[in-house]
PDB file of N, CA and C in Angstrom:
ATOM      1  N   MET A   1      63.765  98.777 211.261  1.00  0.00           N
ATOM      2  CA  MET A   1      63.004 100.288 211.730  1.00  0.00           C
ATOM      3  C   MET A   1      63.440 101.140 210.591  1.00  0.00           C
ATOM      4  N   ILE A   2      62.627 101.714 209.606  1.00  0.00           N
ATOM      5  CA  ILE A   2      63.354 103.202 208.165  1.00  0.00           C
ATOM      6  C   ILE A   2      63.745 104.146 209.411  1.00  0.00           C
ATOM      7  N   PRO A   3      64.877 104.511 209.317  1.00  0.00           N
ATOM      8  CA  PRO A   3      65.396 105.485 210.638  1.00  0.00           C
ATOM      9  C   PRO A   3      64.563 107.310 209.453  1.00  0.00           C
ATOM     10  N   SER A   4      63.918 107.840 210.984  1.00  0.00           N
ATOM     11  CA  SER A   4      62.908 109.354 210.594  1.00  0.00           C
ATOM     12  C   SER A   4      64.119 109.687 209.486  1.00  0.00           C
ATOM     13  N   PRO A   5      63.818 110.523 208.289  1.00  0.00           N
ATOM     14  CA  PRO A   5      64.365 111.772 207.895  1.00  0.00           C
ATOM     15  C   PRO A   5      65.117 112.638 208.841  1.00  0.00           C
ATOM     16  N   VAL A   6      66.725 113.518 208.668  1.00  0.00           N
ATOM     17  CA  VAL A   6      67.005 114.613 208.880  1.00  0.00           C
ATOM     18  C   VAL A   6      66.969 115.476 208.310  1.00  0.00           C
ATOM     19  N   ILE A   7      65.882 116.854 209.238  1.00  0.00           N
ATOM     20  CA  ILE A   7      66.495 118.268 208.319  1.00  0.00           C
ATOM     21  C   ILE A   7      67.099 119.291 209.246  1.00  0.00           C
ATOM     22  N   ALA A   8      67.945 119.503 208.145  1.00  0.00           N
ATOM     23  CA  ALA A   8      68.605 120.934 208.634  1.00  0.00           C
ATOM     24  C   ALA A   8      67.876 121.692 208.855  1.00  0.00           C
ATOM     25  N   ILE A   9      67.499 122.747 210.010  1.00  0.00           N
ATOM     26  CA  ILE A   9      66.862 123.926 210.229  1.00  0.00           C
ATOM     27  C   ILE A   9      67.902 125.344 210.948  1.00  0.00           C
ATOM     28  N   VAL A  10      67.683 125.944 209.023  1.00  0.00           N
ATOM     29  CA  VAL A  10      68.996 126.703 209.816  1.00  0.00           C
ATOM     30  C   VAL A  10      68.018 128.284 210.151  1.00  0.00           C
ATOM     31  N   ASP A  11      68.318 129.199 210.888  1.00  0.00           N
ATOM     32  CA  ASP A  11      67.461 130.080 211.533  1.00  0.00           C
ATOM     33  C   ASP A  11      68.111 130.811 212.258  1.00  0.00           C
ATOM     34  N   ASP A  12      68.466 132.311 212.179  1.00  0.00           N
ATOM     35  CA  ASP A  12      69.087 132.834 213.272  1.00  0.00           C
ATOM     36  C   ASP A  12      68.000 133.027 215.086  1.00  0.00           C
ATOM     37  N   ASP A  13      66.800 132.705 214.719  1.00  0.00           N
ATOM     38  CA  ASP A  13      66.284 133.079 215.441  1.00  0.00           C
ATOM     39  C   ASP A  13      65.582 131.784 216.320  1.00  0.00           C
ATOM     40  N   PRO A  14      65.812 131.965 217.930  1.00  0.00           N
ATOM     41  CA  PRO A  14      65.528 130.562 218.386  1.00  0.00           C
ATOM     42  C   PRO A  14      64.442 129.901 218.733  1.00  0.00           C
ATOM     43  N   GLY A  15      63.405 130.647 218.651  1.00  0.00           N
ATOM     44  CA  GLY A  15      62.187 130.670 218.569  1.00  0.00           C
ATOM     45  C   GLY A  15      61.752 129.671 217.468  1.00  0.00           C
ATOM     46  N   VAL A  16      61.953 130.453 216.320  1.00  0.00           N
ATOM     47  CA  VAL A  16      61.682 129.714 215.058  1.00  0.00           C
ATOM     48  C   VAL A  16      62.102 128.601 215.316  1.00  0.00           C
ATOM     49  N   ARG A  17      63.553 128.213 215.698  1.00  0.00           N
ATOM     50  CA  ARG A  17      64.098 127.009 215.399  1.00  0.00           C
ATOM     51  C   ARG A  17      63.569 126.017 216.454  1.00  0.00           C
ATOM     52  N   GLY A  18      62.968 126.448 217.446  1.00  0.00           N
ATOM     53  CA  GLY A  18      62.270 125.295 218.323  1.00  0.00           C
ATOM     54  C   GLY A  18      60.676 125.300 217.817  1.00  0.00           C
ATOM     55  N   SER A  19      60.219 125.776 216.937  1.00  0.00           N
ATOM     56  CA  SER A  19      59.032 126.219 216.743  1.00  0.00           C
ATOM     57  C   SER A  19      58.531 124.987 215.582  1.00  0.00           C
ATOM     58  N   LEU A  20      60.218 125.001 214.750  1.00  0.00           N
ATOM     59  CA  LEU A  20      60.022 124.151 213.301  1.00  0.00           C
ATOM     60  C   LEU A  20      60.412 122.602 213.853  1.00  0.00           C
ATOM     61  N   ASP A  21      61.079 122.763 214.995  1.00  0.00           N
ATOM     62  CA  ASP A  21      61.988 121.592 215.610  1.00  0.00           C
ATOM     63  C   ASP A  21      60.120 121.083 215.803  1.00  0.00           C
ATOM     64  N   SER A  22      59.485 121.209 216.830  1.00  0.00           N
ATOM     65  CA  SER A  22      58.886 120.805 218.046  1.00  0.00           C
ATOM     66  C   SER A  22      57.934 120.062 216.136  1.00  0.00           C
ATOM     67  N   LEU A  23      57.314 120.744 215.546  1.00  0.00           N
ATOM     68  CA  LEU A  23      56.311 121.024 214.297  1.00  0.00           C
ATOM     69  C   LEU A  23      56.893 119.343 213.811  1.00  0.00           C
ATOM     70  N   LEU A  24      58.324 119.021 213.667  1.00  0.00           N
ATOM     71  CA  LEU A  24      58.715 118.202 212.800  1.00  0.00           C
ATOM     72  C   LEU A  24      59.136 116.724 214.005  1.00  0.00           C
ATOM     73  N   ARG A  25      58.967 116.966 214.627  1.00  0.00           N
ATOM     74  CA  ARG A  25      59.161 115.638 215.734  1.00  0.00           C
ATOM     75  C   ARG A  25      57.660 115.635 215.807  1.00  0.00           C
ATOM     76  N   SER A  26      56.856 116.077 215.757  1.00  0.00           N
ATOM     77  CA  SER A  26      55.330 115.786 215.897  1.00  0.00           C
ATOM     78  C   SER A  26      55.148 114.761 214.319  1.00  0.00           C
ATOM     79  N   ALA A  27      55.559 115.239 213.368  1.00  0.00           N
ATOM     80  CA  ALA A  27      55.451 114.554 212.261  1.00  0.00           C
ATOM     81  C   ALA A  27      56.229 113.274 211.921  1.00  0.00           C
ATOM     82  N   GLY A  28      57.010 112.712 213.320  1.00  0.00           N
ATOM     83  CA  GLY A  28      58.071 112.186 213.074  1.00  0.00           C
ATOM     84  C   GLY A  28      59.444 111.937 212.418  1.00  0.00           C
ATOM     85  N   MET A  29      59.709 113.537 212.303  1.00  0.00           N
ATOM     86  CA  MET A  29      61.114 113.648 212.004  1.00  0.00           C
ATOM     87  C   MET A  29      61.983 113.981 212.369  1.00  0.00           C
ATOM     88  N   THR A  30      62.991 113.803 212.664  1.00  0.00           N
ATOM     89  CA  THR A  30      63.961 114.556 212.917  1.00  0.00           C
ATOM     90  C   THR A  30      65.071 115.393 213.222  1.00  0.00           C
ATOM     91  N   SER A  31      65.020 116.999 213.404  1.00  0.00           N
ATOM     92  CA  SER A  31      65.965 117.529 213.590  1.00  0.00           C
ATOM     93  C   SER A  31      67.093 118.095 213.718  1.00  0.00           C
ATOM     94  N   LEU A  32      67.796 118.535 212.971  1.00  0.00           N
ATOM     95  CA  LEU A  32      68.827 119.332 213.867  1.00  0.00           C
ATOM     96  C   LEU A  32      69.102 121.115 213.936  1.00  0.00           C
ATOM     97  N   PRO A  33      68.974 121.708 214.536  1.00  0.00           N
ATOM     98  CA  PRO A  33      69.236 123.110 214.590  1.00  0.00           C
ATOM     99  C   PRO A  33      70.039 123.519 214.360  1.00  0.00           C
ATOM    100  N   PHE A  34      70.434 124.735 213.605  1.00  0.00           N
ATOM    101  CA  PHE A  34      71.340 125.513 213.215  1.00  0.00           C
ATOM    102  C   PHE A  34      71.475 126.553 213.483  1.00  0.00           C
ATOM    103  N   ALA A  35      72.290 127.921 214.432  1.00  0.00           N
ATOM    104  CA  ALA A  35      71.856 129.226 214.343  1.00  0.00           C
ATOM    105  C   ALA A  35      72.134 129.846 213.201  1.00  0.00           C
ATOM    106  N   CYS A  36      72.665 129.264 211.986  1.00  0.00           N
ATOM    107  CA  CYS A  36      73.969 129.950 211.039  1.00  0.00           C
ATOM    108  C   CYS A  36      74.257 128.903 209.978  1.00  0.00           C
ATOM    109  N   ALA A  37      74.394 129.482 208.701  1.00  0.00           N
ATOM    110  CA  ALA A  37      75.120 129.145 208.500  1.00  0.00           C
ATOM    111  C   ALA A  37      76.366 127.910 207.618  1.00  0.00           C
ATOM    112  N   GLU A  38      76.595 129.293 208.801  1.00  0.00           N
ATOM    113  CA  GLU A  38      78.184 128.576 208.756  1.00  0.00           C
ATOM    114  C   GLU A  38      77.980 127.585 209.661  1.00  0.00           C
ATOM    115  N   GLU A  39      77.612 127.800 210.438  1.00  0.00           N
ATOM    116  CA  GLU A  39      77.379 126.470 211.819  1.00  0.00           C
ATOM    117  C   GLU A  39      77.324 124.828 210.983  1.00  0.00           C
ATOM    118  N   LEU A  40      76.324 124.838 210.382  1.00  0.00           N
ATOM    119  CA  LEU A  40      75.774 123.881 209.192  1.00  0.00           C
ATOM    120  C   LEU A  40      76.746 123.578 208.307  1.00  0.00           C
ATOM    121  N   LEU A  41      77.205 124.243 207.839  1.00  0.00           N
ATOM    122  CA  LEU A  41      78.549 123.748 206.762  1.00  0.00           C
ATOM    123  C   LEU A  41      79.845 123.252 207.540  1.00  0.00           C
ATOM    124  N   ALA A  42      80.211 124.069 209.241  1.00  0.00           N
ATOM    125  CA  ALA A  42      80.957 123.127 209.469  1.00  0.00           C
ATOM    126  C   ALA A  42      80.624 122.378 210.729  1.00  0.00           C
ATOM    127  N   SER A  43      79.531 121.929 209.972  1.00  0.00           N
ATOM    128  CA  SER A  43      78.952 120.764 211.409  1.00  0.00           C
ATOM    129  C   SER A  43      79.262 119.160 211.016  1.00  0.00           C
ATOM    130  N   GLY A  44      79.750 118.767 209.376  1.00  0.00           N
ATOM    131  CA  GLY A  44      79.991 117.218 209.054  1.00  0.00           C
ATOM    132  C   GLY A  44      78.413 116.565 209.154  1.00  0.00           C
ATOM    133  N   ALA A  45      77.407 116.878 209.356  1.00  0.00           N
ATOM    134  CA  ALA A  45      76.408 116.681 209.249  1.00  0.00           C
ATOM    135  C   ALA A  45      75.750 116.564 207.653  1.00  0.00           C
ATOM    136  N   GLN A  46      76.494 116.790 206.398  1.00  0.00           N
ATOM    137  CA  GLN A  46      75.670 116.253 205.332  1.00  0.00           C
ATOM    138  C   GLN A  46      75.380 114.782 205.157  1.00  0.00           C
ATOM    139  N   ALA A  47      75.739 114.064 205.532  1.00  0.00           N
ATOM    140  CA  ALA A  47      75.730 112.670 205.134  1.00  0.00           C
ATOM    141  C   ALA A  47      74.467 111.923 205.640  1.00  0.00           C
ATOM    142  N   GLN A  48      73.453 112.686 207.121  1.00  0.00           N
ATOM    143  CA  GLN A  48      72.453 112.315 207.399  1.00  0.00           C
ATOM    144  C   GLN A  48      71.673 113.400 206.870  1.00  0.00           C
ATOM    145  N   LEU A  49      71.577 114.257 206.510  1.00  0.00           N
ATOM    146  CA  LEU A  49      70.214 114.856 205.690  1.00  0.00           C
ATOM    147  C   LEU A  49      70.054 114.871 205.361  1.00  0.00           C
ATOM    148  N   ALA A  50      68.299 114.419 204.794  1.00  0.00           N
ATOM    149  CA  ALA A  50      67.674 113.966 203.994  1.00  0.00           C
ATOM    150  C   ALA A  50      67.246 115.881 203.150  1.00  0.00           C
ATOM    151  N   CYS A  51      67.005 117.111 203.903  1.00  0.00           N
ATOM    152  CA  CYS A  51      67.224 118.472 203.200  1.00  0.00           C
ATOM    153  C   CYS A  51      67.516 119.343 204.347  1.00  0.00           C
ATOM    154  N   ILE A  52      66.990 120.917 204.006  1.00  0.00           N
ATOM    155  CA  ILE A  52      67.523 121.332 204.659  1.00  0.00           C
ATOM    156  C   ILE A  52      66.861 123.363 203.998  1.00  0.00           C
ATOM    157  N   VAL A  53      66.352 123.406 205.179  1.00  0.00           N
ATOM    158  CA  VAL A  53      65.077 124.393 205.721  1.00  0.00           C
ATOM    159  C   VAL A  53      66.188 125.703 206.353  1.00  0.00           C
ATOM    160  N   THR A  54      66.408 126.121 205.443  1.00  0.00           N
ATOM    161  CA  THR A  54      66.617 127.970 205.744  1.00  0.00           C
ATOM    162  C   THR A  54      66.110 129.496 205.233  1.00  0.00           C
ATOM    163  N   ASP A  55      66.435 130.201 206.755  1.00  0.00           N
ATOM    164  CA  ASP A  55      66.007 131.481 206.519  1.00  0.00           C
ATOM    165  C   ASP A  55      66.864 131.809 205.405  1.00  0.00           C
ATOM    166  N   LEU A  56      65.619 133.057 204.350  1.00  0.00           N
ATOM    167  CA  LEU A  56      67.002 133.800 203.580  1.00  0.00           C
ATOM    168  C   LEU A  56      67.018 134.940 204.502  1.00  0.00           C
ATOM    169  N   HIS A  57      67.120 135.625 205.479  1.00  0.00           N
ATOM    170  CA  HIS A  57      68.011 136.717 205.966  1.00  0.00           C
ATOM    171  C   HIS A  57      68.366 136.571 207.096  1.00  0.00           C
ATOM    172  N   MET A  58      69.683 136.453 207.007  1.00  0.00           N
ATOM    173  CA  MET A  58      69.999 135.979 208.446  1.00  0.00           C
ATOM    174  C   MET A  58      71.282 136.619 208.408  1.00  0.00           C
ATOM    175  N   PRO A  59      72.537 137.312 209.282  1.00  0.00           N
ATOM    176  CA  PRO A  59      73.672 137.789 209.931  1.00  0.00           C
ATOM    177  C   PRO A  59      74.820 137.051 209.691  1.00  0.00           C
ATOM    178  N   GLY A  60      75.330 137.588 208.410  1.00  0.00           N
ATOM    179  CA  GLY A  60      76.658 136.828 208.061  1.00  0.00           C
ATOM    180  C   GLY A  60      75.926 135.930 206.288  1.00  0.00           C
ATOM    181  N   MET A  61      75.800 134.754 206.744  1.00  0.00           N
ATOM    182  CA  MET A  61      75.387 134.115 205.287  1.00  0.00           C
ATOM    183  C   MET A  61      74.135 134.523 205.063  1.00  0.00           C
ATOM    184  N   THR A  62      73.604 135.163 203.992  1.00  0.00           N
ATOM    185  CA  THR A  62      72.174 134.662 204.050  1.00  0.00           C
ATOM    186  C   THR A  62      71.607 133.319 203.087  1.00  0.00           C
ATOM    187  N   GLY A  63      70.421 133.133 203.515  1.00  0.00           N
ATOM    188  CA  GLY A  63      69.838 131.782 202.585  1.00  0.00           C
ATOM    189  C   GLY A  63      70.211 131.422 201.760  1.00  0.00           C
ATOM    190  N   LEU A  64      69.761 132.487 200.489  1.00  0.00           N
ATOM    191  CA  LEU A  64      70.508 132.368 199.112  1.00  0.00           C
ATOM    192  C   LEU A  64      72.030 132.552 199.323  1.00  0.00           C
ATOM    193  N   ASP A  65      72.916 133.316 200.009  1.00  0.00           N
ATOM    194  CA  ASP A  65      73.995 132.833 200.155  1.00  0.00           C
ATOM    195  C   ASP A  65      75.044 130.921 200.285  1.00  0.00           C
ATOM    196  N   LEU A  66      74.004 130.679 201.272  1.00  0.00           N
ATOM    197  CA  LEU A  66      73.755 129.478 201.372  1.00  0.00           C
ATOM    198  C   LEU A  66      73.710 128.103 200.359  1.00  0.00           C
ATOM    199  N   GLN A  67      72.998 129.325 200.028  1.00  0.00           N
ATOM    200  CA  GLN A  67      72.447 127.942 198.659  1.00  0.00           C
ATOM    201  C   GLN A  67      73.198 127.991 197.784  1.00  0.00           C
ATOM    202  N   ALA A  68      73.777 128.999 197.585  1.00  0.00           N
ATOM    203  CA  ALA A  68      74.633 128.708 196.498  1.00  0.00           C
ATOM    204  C   ALA A  68      76.286 128.310 197.214  1.00  0.00           C
ATOM    205  N   GLU A  69      76.309 127.641 198.207  1.00  0.00           N
ATOM    206  CA  GLU A  69      77.482 127.272 198.546  1.00  0.00           C
ATOM    207  C   GLU A  69      77.306 126.238 198.795  1.00  0.00           C
ATOM    208  N   LEU A  70      76.040 125.799 198.935  1.00  0.00           N
ATOM    209  CA  LEU A  70      75.786 123.924 199.118  1.00  0.00           C
ATOM    210  C   LEU A  70      76.313 123.478 197.612  1.00  0.00           C
ATOM    211  N   ALA A  71      75.594 124.139 196.874  1.00  0.00           N
ATOM    212  CA  ALA A  71      75.955 124.216 194.831  1.00  0.00           C
ATOM    213  C   ALA A  71      77.455 123.527 194.772  1.00  0.00           C
ATOM    214  N   ARG A  72      78.120 124.940 195.329  1.00  0.00           N
ATOM    215  CA  ARG A  72      79.016 124.741 195.306  1.00  0.00           C
ATOM    216  C   ARG A  72      80.479 123.900 196.261  1.00  0.00           C
ATOM    217  N   ARG A  73      79.983 123.118 197.147  1.00  0.00           N
ATOM    218  CA  ARG A  73      80.469 121.996 197.642  1.00  0.00           C
ATOM    219  C   ARG A  73      79.839 120.909 197.338  1.00  0.00           C
ATOM    220  N   GLY A  74      78.944 120.878 196.272  1.00  0.00           N
ATOM    221  CA  GLY A  74      78.147 119.744 195.559  1.00  0.00           C
ATOM    222  C   GLY A  74      77.543 118.672 196.541  1.00  0.00           C
ATOM    223  N   TRP A  75      76.859 119.369 197.543  1.00  0.00           N
ATOM    224  CA  TRP A  75      75.908 118.693 198.743  1.00  0.00           C
ATOM    225  C   TRP A  75      74.738 118.556 197.516  1.00  0.00           C
ATOM    226  N   PRO A  76      74.069 117.297 197.624  1.00  0.00           N
ATOM    227  CA  PRO A  76      72.600 117.295 196.713  1.00  0.00           C
ATOM    228  C   PRO A  76      71.932 118.196 197.182  1.00  0.00           C
ATOM    229  N   HIS A  77      71.244 118.000 198.825  1.00  0.00           N
ATOM    230  CA  HIS A  77      70.446 118.969 199.432  1.00  0.00           C
ATOM    231  C   HIS A  77      69.530 119.177 199.012  1.00  0.00           C
ATOM    232  N   PRO A  78      68.211 119.201 199.044  1.00  0.00           N
ATOM    233  CA  PRO A  78      66.501 119.972 198.493  1.00  0.00           C
ATOM    234  C   PRO A  78      66.820 120.561 199.881  1.00  0.00           C
ATOM    235  N   VAL A  79      66.830 122.375 199.495  1.00  0.00           N
ATOM    236  CA  VAL A  79      66.551 123.436 199.470  1.00  0.00           C
ATOM    237  C   VAL A  79      65.388 123.991 199.763  1.00  0.00           C
ATOM    238  N   ILE A  80      64.794 124.069 201.243  1.00  0.00           N
ATOM    239  CA  ILE A  80      63.331 124.839 201.214  1.00  0.00           C
ATOM    240  C   ILE A  80      63.778 126.537 202.065  1.00  0.00           C
ATOM    241  N   MET A  81      63.540 127.767 201.364  1.00  0.00           N
ATOM    242  CA  MET A  81      63.639 128.887 201.771  1.00  0.00           C
ATOM    243  C   MET A  81      62.308 129.240 202.318  1.00  0.00           C
ATOM    244  N   MET A  82      62.987 129.968 203.540  1.00  0.00           N
ATOM    245  CA  MET A  82      61.686 130.931 203.835  1.00  0.00           C
ATOM    246  C   MET A  82      62.175 131.746 204.135  1.00  0.00           C
ATOM    247  N   THR A  83      61.074 132.988 204.695  1.00  0.00           N
ATOM    248  CA  THR A  83      61.526 134.426 205.399  1.00  0.00           C
ATOM    249  C   THR A  83      60.365 135.073 205.289  1.00  0.00           C
ATOM    250  N   ALA A  84      60.460 135.738 205.868  1.00  0.00           N
ATOM    251  CA  ALA A  84      58.890 136.834 206.839  1.00  0.00           C
ATOM    252  C   ALA A  84      59.011 138.248 205.732  1.00  0.00           C
ATOM    253  N   PHE A  85      59.824 138.125 204.763  1.00  0.00           N
ATOM    254  CA  PHE A  85      59.888 139.144 204.155  1.00  0.00           C
ATOM    255  C   PHE A  85      60.591 138.671 202.742  1.00  0.00           C
ATOM    256  N   PRO A  86      59.077 138.350 202.037  1.00  0.00           N
ATOM    257  CA  PRO A  86      59.294 137.859 200.461  1.00  0.00           C
ATOM    258  C   PRO A  86      59.308 139.365 199.348  1.00  0.00           C
ATOM    259  N   THR A  87      60.728 138.459 198.536  1.00  0.00           N
ATOM    260  CA  THR A  87      59.791 139.457 197.652  1.00  0.00           C
ATOM    261  C   THR A  87      59.999 138.461 196.298  1.00  0.00           C
ATOM    262  N   ASP A  88      59.803 139.303 195.091  1.00  0.00           N
ATOM    263  CA  ASP A  88      59.600 138.463 193.743  1.00  0.00           C
ATOM    264  C   ASP A  88      61.137 138.268 193.145  1.00  0.00           C
ATOM    265  N   ALA A  89      61.937 139.304 193.563  1.00  0.00           N
ATOM    266  CA  ALA A  89      63.153 139.000 193.400  1.00  0.00           C
ATOM    267  C   ALA A  89      63.636 137.461 193.914  1.00  0.00           C
ATOM    268  N   ALA A  90      63.542 137.730 195.423  1.00  0.00           N
ATOM    269  CA  ALA A  90      64.473 136.520 196.536  1.00  0.00           C
ATOM    270  C   ALA A  90      63.690 135.795 196.231  1.00  0.00           C
ATOM    271  N   ARG A  91      62.151 135.037 195.599  1.00  0.00           N
ATOM    272  CA  ARG A  91      61.678 134.176 195.178  1.00  0.00           C
ATOM    273  C   ARG A  91      62.224 133.330 194.150  1.00  0.00           C
ATOM    274  N   ASP A  92      62.660 134.545 193.152  1.00  0.00           N
ATOM    275  CA  ASP A  92      62.856 134.086 191.466  1.00  0.00           C
ATOM    276  C   ASP A  92      64.352 133.449 191.468  1.00  0.00           C
ATOM    277  N   GLN A  93      65.451 133.925 192.882  1.00  0.00           N
ATOM    278  CA  GLN A  93      66.698 133.745 192.866  1.00  0.00           C
ATOM    279  C   GLN A  93      66.447 132.317 193.692  1.00  0.00           C
ATOM    280  N   ALA A  94      66.052 132.239 194.311  1.00  0.00           N
ATOM    281  CA  ALA A  94      66.074 131.265 195.405  1.00  0.00           C
ATOM    282  C   ALA A  94      65.178 129.523 194.350  1.00  0.00           C
ATOM    283  N   LEU A  95      64.372 130.188 194.059  1.00  0.00           N
ATOM    284  CA  LEU A  95      63.395 128.848 193.364  1.00  0.00           C
ATOM    285  C   LEU A  95      64.592 128.631 191.490  1.00  0.00           C
ATOM    286  N   GLY A  96      64.739 129.574 191.237  1.00  0.00           N
ATOM    287  CA  GLY A  96      65.739 129.935 189.561  1.00  0.00           C
ATOM    288  C   GLY A  96      67.196 128.839 190.429  1.00  0.00           C
ATOM    289  N   ALA A  97      67.247 128.661 191.489  1.00  0.00           N
ATOM    290  CA  ALA A  97      68.854 128.102 191.838  1.00  0.00           C
ATOM    291  C   ALA A  97      68.554 126.681 192.338  1.00  0.00           C
ATOM    292  N   GLY A  98      67.023 126.260 192.194  1.00  0.00           N
ATOM    293  CA  GLY A  98      67.127 125.133 192.867  1.00  0.00           C
ATOM    294  C   GLY A  98      66.157 124.699 194.161  1.00  0.00           C
ATOM    295  N   ALA A  99      65.707 125.416 194.722  1.00  0.00           N
ATOM    296  CA  ALA A  99      65.189 125.686 195.967  1.00  0.00           C
ATOM    297  C   ALA A  99      63.570 124.701 195.605  1.00  0.00           C
ATOM    298  N   VAL A 100      63.236 123.992 195.884  1.00  0.00           N
ATOM    299  CA  VAL A 100      62.068 123.088 196.006  1.00  0.00           C
ATOM    300  C   VAL A 100      60.717 123.500 196.970  1.00  0.00           C
ATOM    301  N   ALA A 101      60.929 124.508 197.792  1.00  0.00           N
ATOM    302  CA  ALA A 101      60.216 125.492 197.675  1.00  0.00           C
ATOM    303  C   ALA A 101      60.456 126.612 198.940  1.00  0.00           C
ATOM    304  N   PHE A 102      59.682 127.919 198.799  1.00  0.00           N
ATOM    305  CA  PHE A 102      60.075 129.253 198.716  1.00  0.00           C
ATOM    306  C   PHE A 102      58.888 129.650 199.953  1.00  0.00           C
ATOM    307  N   LEU A 103      58.694 129.588 200.848  1.00  0.00           N
ATOM    308  CA  LEU A 103      57.531 130.152 201.967  1.00  0.00           C
ATOM    309  C   LEU A 103      57.904 130.804 202.868  1.00  0.00           C
ATOM    310  N   THR A 104      56.529 132.097 203.269  1.00  0.00           N
ATOM    311  CA  THR A 104      56.826 133.149 203.668  1.00  0.00           C
ATOM    312  C   THR A 104      56.367 132.881 205.656  1.00  0.00           C
ATOM    313  N   LYS A 105      57.066 133.373 206.477  1.00  0.00           N
ATOM    314  CA  LYS A 105      56.638 133.440 207.848  1.00  0.00           C
ATOM    315  C   LYS A 105      55.570 134.077 208.003  1.00  0.00           C
ATOM    316  N   PRO A 106      55.049 133.722 209.026  1.00  0.00           N
ATOM    317  CA  PRO A 106      55.005 132.782 210.202  1.00  0.00           C
ATOM    318  C   PRO A 106      55.043 131.408 208.709  1.00  0.00           C
ATOM    319  N   ILE A 107      55.385 130.759 209.256  1.00  0.00           N
ATOM    320  CA  ILE A 107      55.248 129.173 208.033  1.00  0.00           C
ATOM    321  C   ILE A 107      53.343 128.469 208.846  1.00  0.00           C
ATOM    322  N   ASP A 108      53.273 128.210 207.398  1.00  0.00           N
ATOM    323  CA  ASP A 108      51.885 127.165 207.867  1.00  0.00           C
ATOM    324  C   ASP A 108      52.706 125.682 207.486  1.00  0.00           C
ATOM    325  N   PRO A 109      52.085 124.884 208.687  1.00  0.00           N
ATOM    326  CA  PRO A 109      53.365 123.807 209.148  1.00  0.00           C
ATOM    327  C   PRO A 109      52.954 122.629 207.992  1.00  0.00           C
ATOM    328  N   ASP A 110      51.274 123.044 207.379  1.00  0.00           N
ATOM    329  CA  ASP A 110      50.801 122.056 206.204  1.00  0.00           C
ATOM    330  C   ASP A 110      52.065 122.155 205.019  1.00  0.00           C
ATOM    331  N   SER A 111      51.754 123.278 205.071  1.00  0.00           N
ATOM    332  CA  SER A 111      52.895 123.979 203.457  1.00  0.00           C
ATOM    333  C   SER A 111      54.595 123.528 204.161  1.00  0.00           C
ATOM    334  N   LEU A 112      54.451 123.417 205.069  1.00  0.00           N
ATOM    335  CA  LEU A 112      56.339 122.722 205.320  1.00  0.00           C
ATOM    336  C   LEU A 112      56.410 121.727 205.144  1.00  0.00           C
ATOM    337  N   LEU A 113      55.641 121.110 206.135  1.00  0.00           N
ATOM    338  CA  LEU A 113      55.914 119.148 206.224  1.00  0.00           C
ATOM    339  C   LEU A 113      55.410 118.692 204.537  1.00  0.00           C
ATOM    340  N   GLU A 114      54.001 119.470 203.643  1.00  0.00           N
ATOM    341  CA  GLU A 114      54.009 119.099 202.690  1.00  0.00           C
ATOM    342  C   GLU A 114      55.424 119.468 201.211  1.00  0.00           C
ATOM    343  N   ALA A 115      56.029 120.207 201.626  1.00  0.00           N
ATOM    344  CA  ALA A 115      57.331 120.511 200.604  1.00  0.00           C
ATOM    345  C   ALA A 115      58.284 119.615 201.004  1.00  0.00           C
ATOM    346  N   ILE A 116      58.473 118.980 202.475  1.00  0.00           N
ATOM    347  CA  ILE A 116      59.559 118.355 203.124  1.00  0.00           C
ATOM    348  C   ILE A 116      59.190 116.895 202.189  1.00  0.00           C
ATOM    349  N   GLU A 117      57.278 116.154 202.403  1.00  0.00           N
ATOM    350  CA  GLU A 117      57.606 115.272 202.011  1.00  0.00           C
ATOM    351  C   GLU A 117      57.786 115.098 200.714  1.00  0.00           C
ATOM    352  N   GLY A 118      56.792 116.187 199.828  1.00  0.00           N
ATOM    353  CA  GLY A 118      57.154 115.876 198.109  1.00  0.00           C
ATOM    354  C   GLY A 118      58.711 115.605 197.791  1.00  0.00           C
ATOM    355  N   ILE A 119      59.341 115.699 199.102  1.00  0.00           N
ATOM    356  CA  ILE A 119      60.903 115.509 198.351  1.00  0.00           C
ATOM    357  C   ILE A 119      60.844 114.199 198.186  1.00  0.00           C
ATOM    358  N   ALA A 120      60.565 113.426 199.164  1.00  0.00           N
ATOM    359  CA  ALA A 120      61.060 111.540 199.570  1.00  0.00           C
ATOM    360  C   ALA A 120      60.130 111.862 198.187  1.00  0.00           C
ATOM    361  N   ASP A 121      58.728 111.893 197.165  1.00  0.00           N
ATOM    362  CA  ASP A 121      58.089 111.427 196.404  1.00  0.00           C
ATOM    363  C   ASP A 121      59.571 111.204 194.980  1.00  0.00           C
TER     364      ASP A 121
END
């Protein structure tokens, strides 16, 4: 049996983490929720992750800060950035740094699943 992909969800809002966890489970995926970027980086979960879905605006490290730190550490995981406050500058910065998608909250479930499934293609 092939294990389901493990998706890290990094968001300071517990409601968002719970909603995304439910969505991913309904699609046959497993998620690991993290309340902040620092928690993910300290988790030791790197080897089991297929990708990282992160909020842009969080206390402490932002999603863009996390993306830069992942690159600095050599973590190869695709990043999907999400935000309730999209700007062209943030979108350009995230995508320019290698994010595979930039999604606006509230997240469209199909768009998120398509972005995640597109990583495996």
